[in-house]
Amino acid sequence: MKTYSFSKESTAGILRGLRATARLSQKELAEKSGVSESAIKGYENAENVMSLEAAVKLANVFGITPDSLVNTVEIDERKGTAVAD
């Protein structure tokens, strides 16, 4: 069985970068995605863990897959370490 993990800090940087490239404010992104502005702020500050529902909504705005947004990493369960590609 495969296990996946992600970093709130990595996701925060990806979301900030995508939003900046799209020249959207947090408020504008909230309006386009249906995710609250306070949730977006929490994701960008690595304070909140992004739900799958929020990842799908945000990814749709940017035309990417949700896993690209959260930067998932496969974990080797035996060693507890990331699996290299």
N, C-alpha and C. Protein backbone atom coordinates (compact mmCIF):
# COMPACT_ATOMS: atom_id res chain seq x y z
N MET A 1 0.83 -1.18 0.00
CA MET A 1 0.00 0.00 0.00
C MET A 1 0.88 1.24 0.00
N LYS A 2 0.53 2.20 -0.85
CA LYS A 2 1.29 3.43 -0.93
C LYS A 2 0.74 4.46 0.04
N THR A 3 1.64 5.25 0.61
CA THR A 3 1.27 6.34 1.50
C THR A 3 1.82 7.63 0.89
N TYR A 4 1.03 8.67 0.98
CA TYR A 4 1.46 9.96 0.43
C TYR A 4 1.41 11.01 1.52
N SER A 5 2.29 11.97 1.41
CA SER A 5 2.36 13.06 2.37
C SER A 5 2.62 14.36 1.61
N PHE A 6 2.39 15.47 2.26
CA PHE A 6 2.71 16.75 1.66
C PHE A 6 3.08 17.75 2.74
N SER A 7 3.71 18.80 2.32
CA SER A 7 4.18 19.82 3.23
C SER A 7 3.30 21.05 3.11
N LYS A 8 2.78 21.54 4.25
CA LYS A 8 2.00 22.77 4.22
C LYS A 8 2.83 23.93 3.67
N GLU A 9 4.12 23.94 4.01
CA GLU A 9 4.99 25.03 3.57
C GLU A 9 5.18 25.00 2.05
N SER A 10 5.34 23.82 1.49
CA SER A 10 5.49 23.68 0.05
C SER A 10 4.22 24.11 -0.67
N THR A 11 3.08 23.64 -0.16
CA THR A 11 1.79 24.01 -0.74
C THR A 11 1.58 25.51 -0.66
N ALA A 12 1.97 26.11 0.44
CA ALA A 12 1.83 27.56 0.61
C ALA A 12 2.60 28.31 -0.47
N GLY A 13 3.83 27.90 -0.72
CA GLY A 13 4.65 28.55 -1.74
C GLY A 13 4.09 28.37 -3.14
N ILE A 14 3.58 27.18 -3.43
CA ILE A 14 3.00 26.93 -4.74
C ILE A 14 1.77 27.81 -4.95
N LEU A 15 0.89 27.86 -3.95
CA LEU A 15 -0.33 28.65 -4.07
C LEU A 15 0.00 30.14 -4.21
N ARG A 16 0.91 30.64 -3.39
CA ARG A 16 1.31 32.07 -3.50
C ARG A 16 1.85 32.37 -4.88
N GLY A 17 2.70 31.48 -5.40
CA GLY A 17 3.30 31.69 -6.71
C GLY A 17 2.28 31.68 -7.83
N LEU A 18 1.35 30.73 -7.78
CA LEU A 18 0.30 30.66 -8.80
C LEU A 18 -0.57 31.91 -8.77
N ARG A 19 -0.93 32.33 -7.56
CA ARG A 19 -1.79 33.50 -7.42
C ARG A 19 -1.08 34.75 -7.92
N ALA A 20 0.19 34.89 -7.60
CA ALA A 20 0.96 36.06 -8.04
C ALA A 20 1.10 36.08 -9.56
N THR A 21 1.37 34.91 -10.14
CA THR A 21 1.51 34.82 -11.60
C THR A 21 0.20 35.18 -12.29
N ALA A 22 -0.91 34.78 -11.70
CA ALA A 22 -2.23 35.08 -12.27
C ALA A 22 -2.68 36.50 -11.94
N ARG A 23 -1.89 37.19 -11.13
CA ARG A 23 -2.20 38.57 -10.70
C ARG A 23 -3.57 38.68 -10.05
N LEU A 24 -3.80 37.75 -9.13
CA LEU A 24 -5.06 37.73 -8.38
C LEU A 24 -4.79 38.08 -6.93
N SER A 25 -5.67 38.85 -6.33
CA SER A 25 -5.62 39.06 -4.89
C SER A 25 -6.22 37.83 -4.22
N GLN A 26 -6.03 37.71 -2.92
CA GLN A 26 -6.65 36.60 -2.21
C GLN A 26 -8.17 36.68 -2.33
N LYS A 27 -8.71 37.89 -2.29
CA LYS A 27 -10.14 38.08 -2.42
C LYS A 27 -10.63 37.63 -3.80
N GLU A 28 -9.92 38.00 -4.85
CA GLU A 28 -10.30 37.60 -6.21
C GLU A 28 -10.24 36.08 -6.39
N LEU A 29 -9.18 35.47 -5.83
CA LEU A 29 -9.06 34.01 -5.91
C LEU A 29 -10.21 33.34 -5.17
N ALA A 30 -10.58 33.89 -4.03
CA ALA A 30 -11.71 33.35 -3.27
C ALA A 30 -12.99 33.41 -4.08
N GLU A 31 -13.22 34.52 -4.74
CA GLU A 31 -14.43 34.68 -5.55
C GLU A 31 -14.44 33.71 -6.73
N LYS A 32 -13.30 33.52 -7.38
CA LYS A 32 -13.22 32.63 -8.54
C LYS A 32 -13.33 31.15 -8.16
N SER A 33 -12.82 30.81 -6.98
CA SER A 33 -12.73 29.40 -6.60
C SER A 33 -13.87 28.91 -5.72
N GLY A 34 -14.47 29.83 -4.97
CA GLY A 34 -15.48 29.41 -3.99
C GLY A 34 -14.87 28.97 -2.68
N VAL A 35 -13.57 29.19 -2.51
CA VAL A 35 -12.86 28.91 -1.25
C VAL A 35 -12.77 30.24 -0.51
N SER A 36 -13.03 30.25 0.78
CA SER A 36 -13.05 31.51 1.52
C SER A 36 -11.68 32.21 1.51
N GLU A 37 -11.74 33.51 1.57
CA GLU A 37 -10.51 34.31 1.60
C GLU A 37 -9.67 33.97 2.84
N SER A 38 -10.32 33.74 3.97
CA SER A 38 -9.57 33.40 5.19
C SER A 38 -8.89 32.04 5.06
N ALA A 39 -9.53 31.10 4.37
CA ALA A 39 -8.90 29.79 4.14
C ALA A 39 -7.68 29.95 3.25
N ILE A 40 -7.80 30.74 2.19
CA ILE A 40 -6.67 30.96 1.28
C ILE A 40 -5.51 31.59 2.04
N LYS A 41 -5.80 32.57 2.88
CA LYS A 41 -4.75 33.20 3.69
C LYS A 41 -4.07 32.16 4.58
N GLY A 42 -4.87 31.28 5.19
CA GLY A 42 -4.31 30.22 6.04
C GLY A 42 -3.43 29.26 5.27
N TYR A 43 -3.84 28.91 4.04
CA TYR A 43 -3.03 28.02 3.21
C TYR A 43 -1.72 28.69 2.83
N GLU A 44 -1.80 29.96 2.44
CA GLU A 44 -0.59 30.67 2.01
C GLU A 44 0.38 30.94 3.15
N ASN A 45 -0.12 30.99 4.36
CA ASN A 45 0.74 31.19 5.53
C ASN A 45 1.11 29.87 6.21
N ALA A 46 0.76 28.76 5.57
CA ALA A 46 1.04 27.40 6.09
C ALA A 46 0.46 27.20 7.48
N GLU A 47 -0.70 27.82 7.72
CA GLU A 47 -1.38 27.67 9.01
C GLU A 47 -2.44 26.58 8.97
N ASN A 48 -2.98 26.32 7.77
CA ASN A 48 -4.07 25.35 7.61
C ASN A 48 -3.66 24.27 6.63
N VAL A 49 -4.20 23.07 6.83
CA VAL A 49 -4.03 21.98 5.88
C VAL A 49 -5.16 22.08 4.87
N MET A 50 -4.81 22.07 3.60
CA MET A 50 -5.80 22.21 2.54
C MET A 50 -6.60 20.92 2.38
N SER A 51 -7.92 21.05 2.34
CA SER A 51 -8.79 19.89 2.11
C SER A 51 -8.74 19.51 0.63
N LEU A 52 -9.14 18.29 0.34
CA LEU A 52 -9.20 17.85 -1.05
C LEU A 52 -10.17 18.73 -1.84
N GLU A 53 -11.30 19.05 -1.25
CA GLU A 53 -12.29 19.90 -1.92
C GLU A 53 -11.70 21.26 -2.28
N ALA A 54 -10.98 21.87 -1.36
CA ALA A 54 -10.35 23.17 -1.63
C ALA A 54 -9.27 23.04 -2.69
N ALA A 55 -8.49 21.97 -2.62
CA ALA A 55 -7.43 21.76 -3.62
C ALA A 55 -8.01 21.64 -5.02
N VAL A 56 -9.13 20.92 -5.16
CA VAL A 56 -9.77 20.76 -6.46
C VAL A 56 -10.27 22.11 -6.97
N LYS A 57 -10.94 22.86 -6.12
CA LYS A 57 -11.48 24.17 -6.51
C LYS A 57 -10.37 25.13 -6.93
N LEU A 58 -9.31 25.19 -6.14
CA LEU A 58 -8.20 26.10 -6.45
C LEU A 58 -7.46 25.65 -7.70
N ALA A 59 -7.22 24.37 -7.82
CA ALA A 59 -6.52 23.85 -9.00
C ALA A 59 -7.29 24.16 -10.27
N ASN A 60 -8.62 24.07 -10.22
CA ASN A 60 -9.44 24.37 -11.38
C ASN A 60 -9.27 25.81 -11.85
N VAL A 61 -9.11 26.73 -10.93
CA VAL A 61 -8.90 28.14 -11.29
C VAL A 61 -7.61 28.29 -12.10
N PHE A 62 -6.58 27.54 -11.71
CA PHE A 62 -5.27 27.68 -12.36
C PHE A 62 -5.05 26.70 -13.51
N GLY A 63 -6.01 25.80 -13.73
CA GLY A 63 -5.89 24.84 -14.83
C GLY A 63 -4.82 23.78 -14.59
N ILE A 64 -4.67 23.39 -13.31
CA ILE A 64 -3.69 22.36 -12.95
C ILE A 64 -4.41 21.24 -12.21
N THR A 65 -3.70 20.17 -11.94
CA THR A 65 -4.28 19.08 -11.16
C THR A 65 -4.11 19.37 -9.67
N PRO A 66 -5.01 18.87 -8.83
CA PRO A 66 -4.87 19.10 -7.38
C PRO A 66 -3.55 18.60 -6.81
N ASP A 67 -3.04 17.47 -7.33
CA ASP A 67 -1.77 16.97 -6.78
C ASP A 67 -0.61 17.88 -7.13
N SER A 68 -0.71 18.64 -8.22
CA SER A 68 0.33 19.63 -8.54
C SER A 68 0.32 20.77 -7.53
N LEU A 69 -0.86 21.08 -7.04
CA LEU A 69 -1.00 22.16 -6.07
C LEU A 69 -0.46 21.78 -4.71
N VAL A 70 -0.74 20.57 -4.27
CA VAL A 70 -0.30 20.17 -2.93
C VAL A 70 1.05 19.47 -2.92
N ASN A 71 1.63 19.23 -4.12
CA ASN A 71 2.98 18.69 -4.21
C ASN A 71 3.14 17.42 -3.39
N THR A 72 2.31 16.42 -3.66
CA THR A 72 2.35 15.18 -2.88
C THR A 72 3.65 14.42 -3.10
N VAL A 73 4.04 13.70 -2.08
CA VAL A 73 5.27 12.91 -2.10
C VAL A 73 4.93 11.50 -1.65
N GLU A 74 5.38 10.49 -2.41
CA GLU A 74 5.17 9.10 -2.01
C GLU A 74 6.14 8.76 -0.88
N ILE A 75 5.62 8.10 0.15
CA ILE A 75 6.42 7.74 1.33
C ILE A 75 6.65 6.23 1.34
N ASP A 76 7.90 5.81 1.55
CA ASP A 76 8.23 4.39 1.74
C ASP A 76 7.84 4.05 3.18
N GLU A 77 6.78 3.25 3.33
CA GLU A 77 6.26 2.94 4.67
C GLU A 77 7.27 2.21 5.55
N ARG A 78 8.14 1.42 4.94
CA ARG A 78 9.12 0.66 5.72
C ARG A 78 10.18 1.58 6.33
N LYS A 79 10.57 2.59 5.56
CA LYS A 79 11.65 3.48 6.01
C LYS A 79 11.13 4.81 6.54
N GLY A 80 9.91 5.18 6.17
CA GLY A 80 9.37 6.47 6.59
C GLY A 80 10.02 7.63 5.86
N THR A 81 10.53 7.36 4.65
CA THR A 81 11.20 8.41 3.88
C THR A 81 10.54 8.57 2.52
N ALA A 82 10.80 9.70 1.88
CA ALA A 82 10.25 9.96 0.55
C ALA A 82 10.88 9.03 -0.47
N VAL A 83 10.08 8.62 -1.43
CA VAL A 83 10.55 7.75 -2.51
C VAL A 83 11.04 8.64 -3.65
N ALA A 84 12.25 8.39 -4.12
CA ALA A 84 12.80 9.17 -5.23
C ALA A 84 12.13 8.77 -6.52
N ASP A 85 11.94 9.74 -7.41
CA ASP A 85 11.35 9.45 -8.73
C ASP A 85 12.32 8.72 -9.62
